[in-house]
């Protein structure tokens, strides 16, 4: 994942977004020689999906001390979008003292969808979302960290009428689309397989990768 930029992973439930977050919590602690970031991880959880017990088998897979791996992850649970912003400021303060390599927000839009409802509040929601994304971009660039956001999808009735193969689109509209440098689309494949597609990237071509989810995090797909 690219540092100093925002990477967004969006898709339906059970497509592997949170599992990717858990796997990256461990891999970003690995030494540079193993392709890791050699730093700590900050995890802002808005949906209650972070599971410390998931980290242990992933850490064992990469030969890390499980307790040390958990100590290098700071987790904060957010309950409203204002709380989410406050936690983001607290995380930024922590980054001044410690070497962090990854900031995860799982998910960026969930609380905005709860706190703002209907078209009447849409403009205010998008403005608040834009402020948060601006702060995330600033943190990414100032502290040279990678930022991973997960996002949900909604059915797009317009696309369904046009007979598009997959009538789903990410939440957050243009505000989120322009803020994210790289966007990854996760969807279910055959059986236990999951597919990750590069949906938007300034430097990578549109391509897909197939993977599976296991106790040890994200692994190569099994045929």
Protein backbone atom coordinates (compact mmCIF):
# COMPACT_ATOMS: atom_id res chain seq x y z
CA UNK A 1 0.00 0.00 0.00
CA UNK A 2 1.30 3.42 -0.91
CA UNK A 3 2.32 5.77 1.90
CA UNK A 4 1.41 9.47 1.84
CA UNK A 5 -1.85 8.64 0.09
CA UNK A 6 -5.34 7.30 0.77
CA UNK A 7 -6.29 3.80 -0.34
CA UNK A 8 -9.96 2.89 -0.25
CA UNK A 9 -11.28 -0.69 -0.20
CA UNK A 10 -15.00 -0.96 -0.88
CA UNK A 11 -17.38 -3.87 -1.34
CA UNK A 12 -20.29 -5.74 0.18
CA UNK A 13 -20.12 -7.44 3.57
CA UNK A 14 -18.08 -10.65 3.78
CA UNK A 15 -15.81 -9.76 0.87
CA UNK A 16 -12.61 -9.54 2.92
CA UNK A 17 -12.20 -5.81 3.62
CA UNK A 18 -11.77 -6.14 7.39
CA UNK A 19 -9.63 -9.28 6.91
CA UNK A 20 -7.33 -7.20 4.70
CA UNK A 21 -7.13 -4.64 7.53
CA UNK A 22 -6.21 -7.33 10.07
CA UNK A 23 -3.57 -8.83 7.78
CA UNK A 24 -2.03 -5.40 7.10
CA UNK A 25 -1.96 -4.71 10.86
CA UNK A 26 0.67 -7.46 11.02
CA UNK A 27 2.50 -7.07 7.70
CA UNK A 28 3.14 -3.35 8.24
CA UNK A 29 5.14 -4.29 11.36
CA UNK A 30 7.46 -6.62 9.44
CA UNK A 31 11.00 -5.44 8.71
CA UNK A 32 11.65 -3.67 5.41
CA UNK A 33 13.59 -6.70 4.17
CA UNK A 34 10.35 -8.74 4.31
CA UNK A 35 8.33 -6.07 2.52
CA UNK A 36 6.89 -4.59 5.72
CA UNK A 37 6.80 -1.04 7.02
CA UNK A 38 8.69 -1.64 10.28
CA UNK A 39 6.28 0.54 12.26
CA UNK A 40 3.17 0.67 14.42
CA UNK A 41 -0.46 0.65 13.33
CA UNK A 42 -3.39 2.89 14.33
CA UNK A 43 -6.86 1.36 13.85
CA UNK A 44 -10.02 3.49 14.13
CA UNK A 45 -12.94 1.08 14.30
CA UNK A 46 -16.45 2.43 13.63
CA UNK A 47 -18.33 -0.87 13.32
CA UNK A 48 -16.88 -2.96 16.17
CA UNK A 49 -15.15 -5.33 13.76
CA UNK A 50 -11.59 -5.32 15.13
CA UNK A 51 -10.77 -8.67 16.76
CA UNK A 52 -7.45 -8.99 18.65
CA UNK A 53 -7.73 -12.79 18.54
CA UNK A 54 -7.58 -12.61 14.72
CA UNK A 55 -4.17 -10.93 14.94
CA UNK A 56 -2.48 -13.85 16.78
CA UNK A 57 -2.62 -16.52 14.01
CA UNK A 58 -1.62 -13.90 11.39
CA UNK A 59 1.39 -12.86 13.51
CA UNK A 60 2.38 -16.54 13.93
CA UNK A 61 2.21 -17.01 10.16
CA UNK A 62 4.84 -14.28 9.71
CA UNK A 63 6.96 -15.46 12.65
CA UNK A 64 6.24 -12.47 14.91
CA UNK A 65 5.81 -12.49 18.69
CA UNK A 66 2.00 -12.36 19.04
CA UNK A 67 1.98 -10.17 22.17
CA UNK A 68 4.45 -7.70 20.67
CA UNK A 69 2.39 -7.58 17.47
CA UNK A 70 -0.74 -6.68 19.46
CA UNK A 71 1.11 -4.05 21.50
CA UNK A 72 2.13 -2.29 18.28
CA UNK A 73 -1.51 -1.76 17.27
CA UNK A 74 -3.51 1.04 18.88
CA UNK A 75 -7.25 0.61 18.47
CA UNK A 76 -9.93 3.23 19.05
CA UNK A 77 -13.68 2.62 18.77
CA UNK A 78 -15.74 5.50 17.40
CA UNK A 79 -19.49 5.88 17.99
CA UNK A 80 -20.38 9.11 16.14
CA UNK A 81 -18.78 10.99 13.27
CA UNK A 82 -17.65 13.75 15.69
CA UNK A 83 -16.06 11.12 17.92
CA UNK A 84 -14.37 9.70 14.81
CA UNK A 85 -12.81 13.11 14.08
CA UNK A 86 -11.69 13.57 17.70
CA UNK A 87 -9.99 10.17 17.65
CA UNK A 88 -8.28 11.08 14.39
CA UNK A 89 -6.78 14.17 16.05
CA UNK A 90 -5.63 12.04 19.00
CA UNK A 91 -4.00 9.53 16.62
CA UNK A 92 -2.18 12.39 14.86
CA UNK A 93 -0.81 13.52 18.25
CA UNK A 94 0.46 9.95 18.90
CA UNK A 95 2.22 9.88 15.54
CA UNK A 96 4.43 12.79 16.61
CA UNK A 97 6.08 10.59 19.28
CA UNK A 98 6.05 7.13 17.67
CA UNK A 99 6.88 5.63 14.31
CA UNK A 100 3.59 4.66 12.72
CA UNK A 101 3.38 3.20 9.25
CA UNK A 102 -0.33 2.55 8.77
CA UNK A 103 -3.61 4.21 9.72
CA UNK A 104 -6.77 2.17 9.16
CA UNK A 105 -10.32 3.50 9.30
CA UNK A 106 -12.85 0.67 9.14
CA UNK A 107 -15.18 2.01 7.90
CA UNK A 108 -15.01 5.69 6.94
CA UNK A 109 -18.68 6.12 5.96
CA UNK A 110 -20.68 3.94 8.40
CA UNK A 111 -21.20 6.62 11.06
CA UNK A 112 -21.91 9.35 8.49
CA UNK A 113 -24.73 7.18 7.13
CA UNK A 114 -26.17 6.84 10.64
CA UNK A 115 -25.72 10.46 11.78
CA UNK A 116 -27.04 12.03 8.57
CA UNK A 117 -30.12 10.71 6.86
CA UNK A 118 -32.10 11.77 3.84
CA UNK A 119 -31.29 14.21 1.06
CA UNK A 120 -31.84 17.25 3.29
CA UNK A 121 -28.69 16.46 5.28
CA UNK A 122 -26.61 15.24 2.34
CA UNK A 123 -24.72 18.52 1.75
CA UNK A 124 -23.73 18.76 5.43
CA UNK A 125 -22.71 15.09 5.48
CA UNK A 126 -20.48 15.52 2.43
CA UNK A 127 -18.90 18.64 3.89
CA UNK A 128 -18.08 16.85 7.17
CA UNK A 129 -16.78 13.85 5.21
CA UNK A 130 -14.60 16.17 3.12
CA UNK A 131 -13.13 17.70 6.29
CA UNK A 132 -12.25 14.25 7.63
CA UNK A 133 -10.68 13.19 4.33
CA UNK A 134 -8.67 16.41 4.24
CA UNK A 135 -7.36 15.63 7.74
CA UNK A 136 -6.51 12.06 6.70
CA UNK A 137 -4.61 13.30 3.64
CA UNK A 138 -2.68 15.75 5.82
CA UNK A 139 -1.75 13.00 8.31
CA UNK A 140 -0.68 10.67 5.46
CA UNK A 141 1.63 13.30 3.99
CA UNK A 142 2.95 14.81 7.21
CA UNK A 143 3.87 11.50 8.90
CA UNK A 144 4.57 9.45 5.74
CA UNK A 145 2.01 6.79 6.67
CA UNK A 146 -0.24 4.67 4.49
CA UNK A 147 -3.96 5.28 5.07
CA UNK A 148 -6.43 2.49 4.39
CA UNK A 149 -10.16 3.26 4.41
CA UNK A 150 -12.87 0.67 4.05
CA UNK A 151 -16.21 1.66 2.58
CA UNK A 152 -19.63 0.17 2.02
CA UNK A 153 -21.59 -0.08 -1.22
CA UNK A 154 -25.15 0.86 -2.11
CA UNK A 155 -27.37 -0.38 -4.89
CA UNK A 156 -27.40 2.03 -7.80
CA UNK A 157 -30.92 2.03 -9.29
CA UNK A 158 -29.74 4.04 -12.32
CA UNK A 159 -27.15 1.40 -13.20
CA UNK A 160 -29.69 -1.40 -12.78
CA UNK A 161 -31.96 0.30 -15.33
CA UNK A 162 -29.02 0.45 -17.79
CA UNK A 163 -28.40 -3.31 -17.36
CA UNK A 164 -24.96 -2.84 -15.84
CA UNK A 165 -23.49 -6.18 -14.77
CA UNK A 166 -22.83 -5.02 -11.21
CA UNK A 167 -25.24 -2.25 -10.16
CA UNK A 168 -23.45 -1.28 -6.94
CA UNK A 169 -21.45 1.81 -6.18
CA UNK A 170 -19.37 2.97 -3.19
CA UNK A 171 -20.87 5.32 -0.60
CA UNK A 172 -19.46 8.84 -0.24
CA UNK A 173 -19.99 10.17 -3.73
CA UNK A 174 -17.48 12.38 -5.52
CA UNK A 175 -15.97 13.71 -2.28
CA UNK A 176 -14.58 10.30 -1.38
CA UNK A 177 -13.82 9.38 -4.99
CA UNK A 178 -11.52 12.38 -5.44
CA UNK A 179 -9.82 12.06 -2.05
CA UNK A 180 -8.84 8.39 -2.49
CA UNK A 181 -5.69 7.91 -4.54
CA UNK A 182 -6.25 4.19 -5.09
CA UNK A 183 -9.65 2.49 -4.94
CA UNK A 184 -9.99 -1.27 -4.61
CA UNK A 185 -13.28 -3.06 -5.26
CA UNK A 186 -13.81 -6.29 -3.35
CA UNK A 187 -16.40 -8.84 -4.42
CA UNK A 188 -17.21 -12.49 -3.87
CA UNK A 189 -15.92 -15.07 -6.32
CA UNK A 190 -16.66 -18.78 -6.65
CA UNK A 191 -16.91 -20.72 -3.41
CA UNK A 192 -14.51 -19.29 -0.86
CA UNK A 193 -12.71 -17.10 -3.36
CA UNK A 194 -12.75 -13.32 -3.22
CA UNK A 195 -11.77 -10.91 -5.99
CA UNK A 196 -10.00 -7.59 -5.56
CA UNK A 197 -10.12 -5.25 -8.53
CA UNK A 198 -8.16 -2.03 -9.02
CA UNK A 199 -11.09 0.32 -9.59
CA UNK A 200 -9.14 3.56 -9.79
CA UNK A 201 -5.41 4.26 -9.58
CA UNK A 202 -3.14 6.95 -11.04
CA UNK A 203 -0.30 4.53 -11.76
CA UNK A 204 -1.69 0.97 -11.91
CA UNK A 205 -3.70 -0.55 -14.77
CA UNK A 206 -7.16 -1.98 -14.10
CA UNK A 207 -6.55 -5.57 -13.06
CA UNK A 208 -7.88 -8.21 -10.69
CA UNK A 209 -6.40 -10.55 -8.10
CA UNK A 210 -8.10 -13.57 -6.58
CA UNK A 211 -7.54 -14.41 -2.92
CA UNK A 212 -9.02 -16.46 -0.08
CA UNK A 213 -9.64 -15.72 3.59
CA UNK A 214 -8.22 -18.05 6.24
CA UNK A 215 -7.40 -18.03 9.96
CA UNK A 216 -4.01 -16.64 8.95
CA UNK A 217 -5.56 -13.64 7.21
CA UNK A 218 -5.56 -13.10 3.47
CA UNK A 219 -3.90 -15.91 1.52
CA UNK A 220 -3.44 -16.95 -2.11
CA UNK A 221 -6.60 -18.37 -3.65
CA UNK A 222 -7.22 -22.08 -3.48
CA UNK A 223 -8.50 -23.63 -6.67
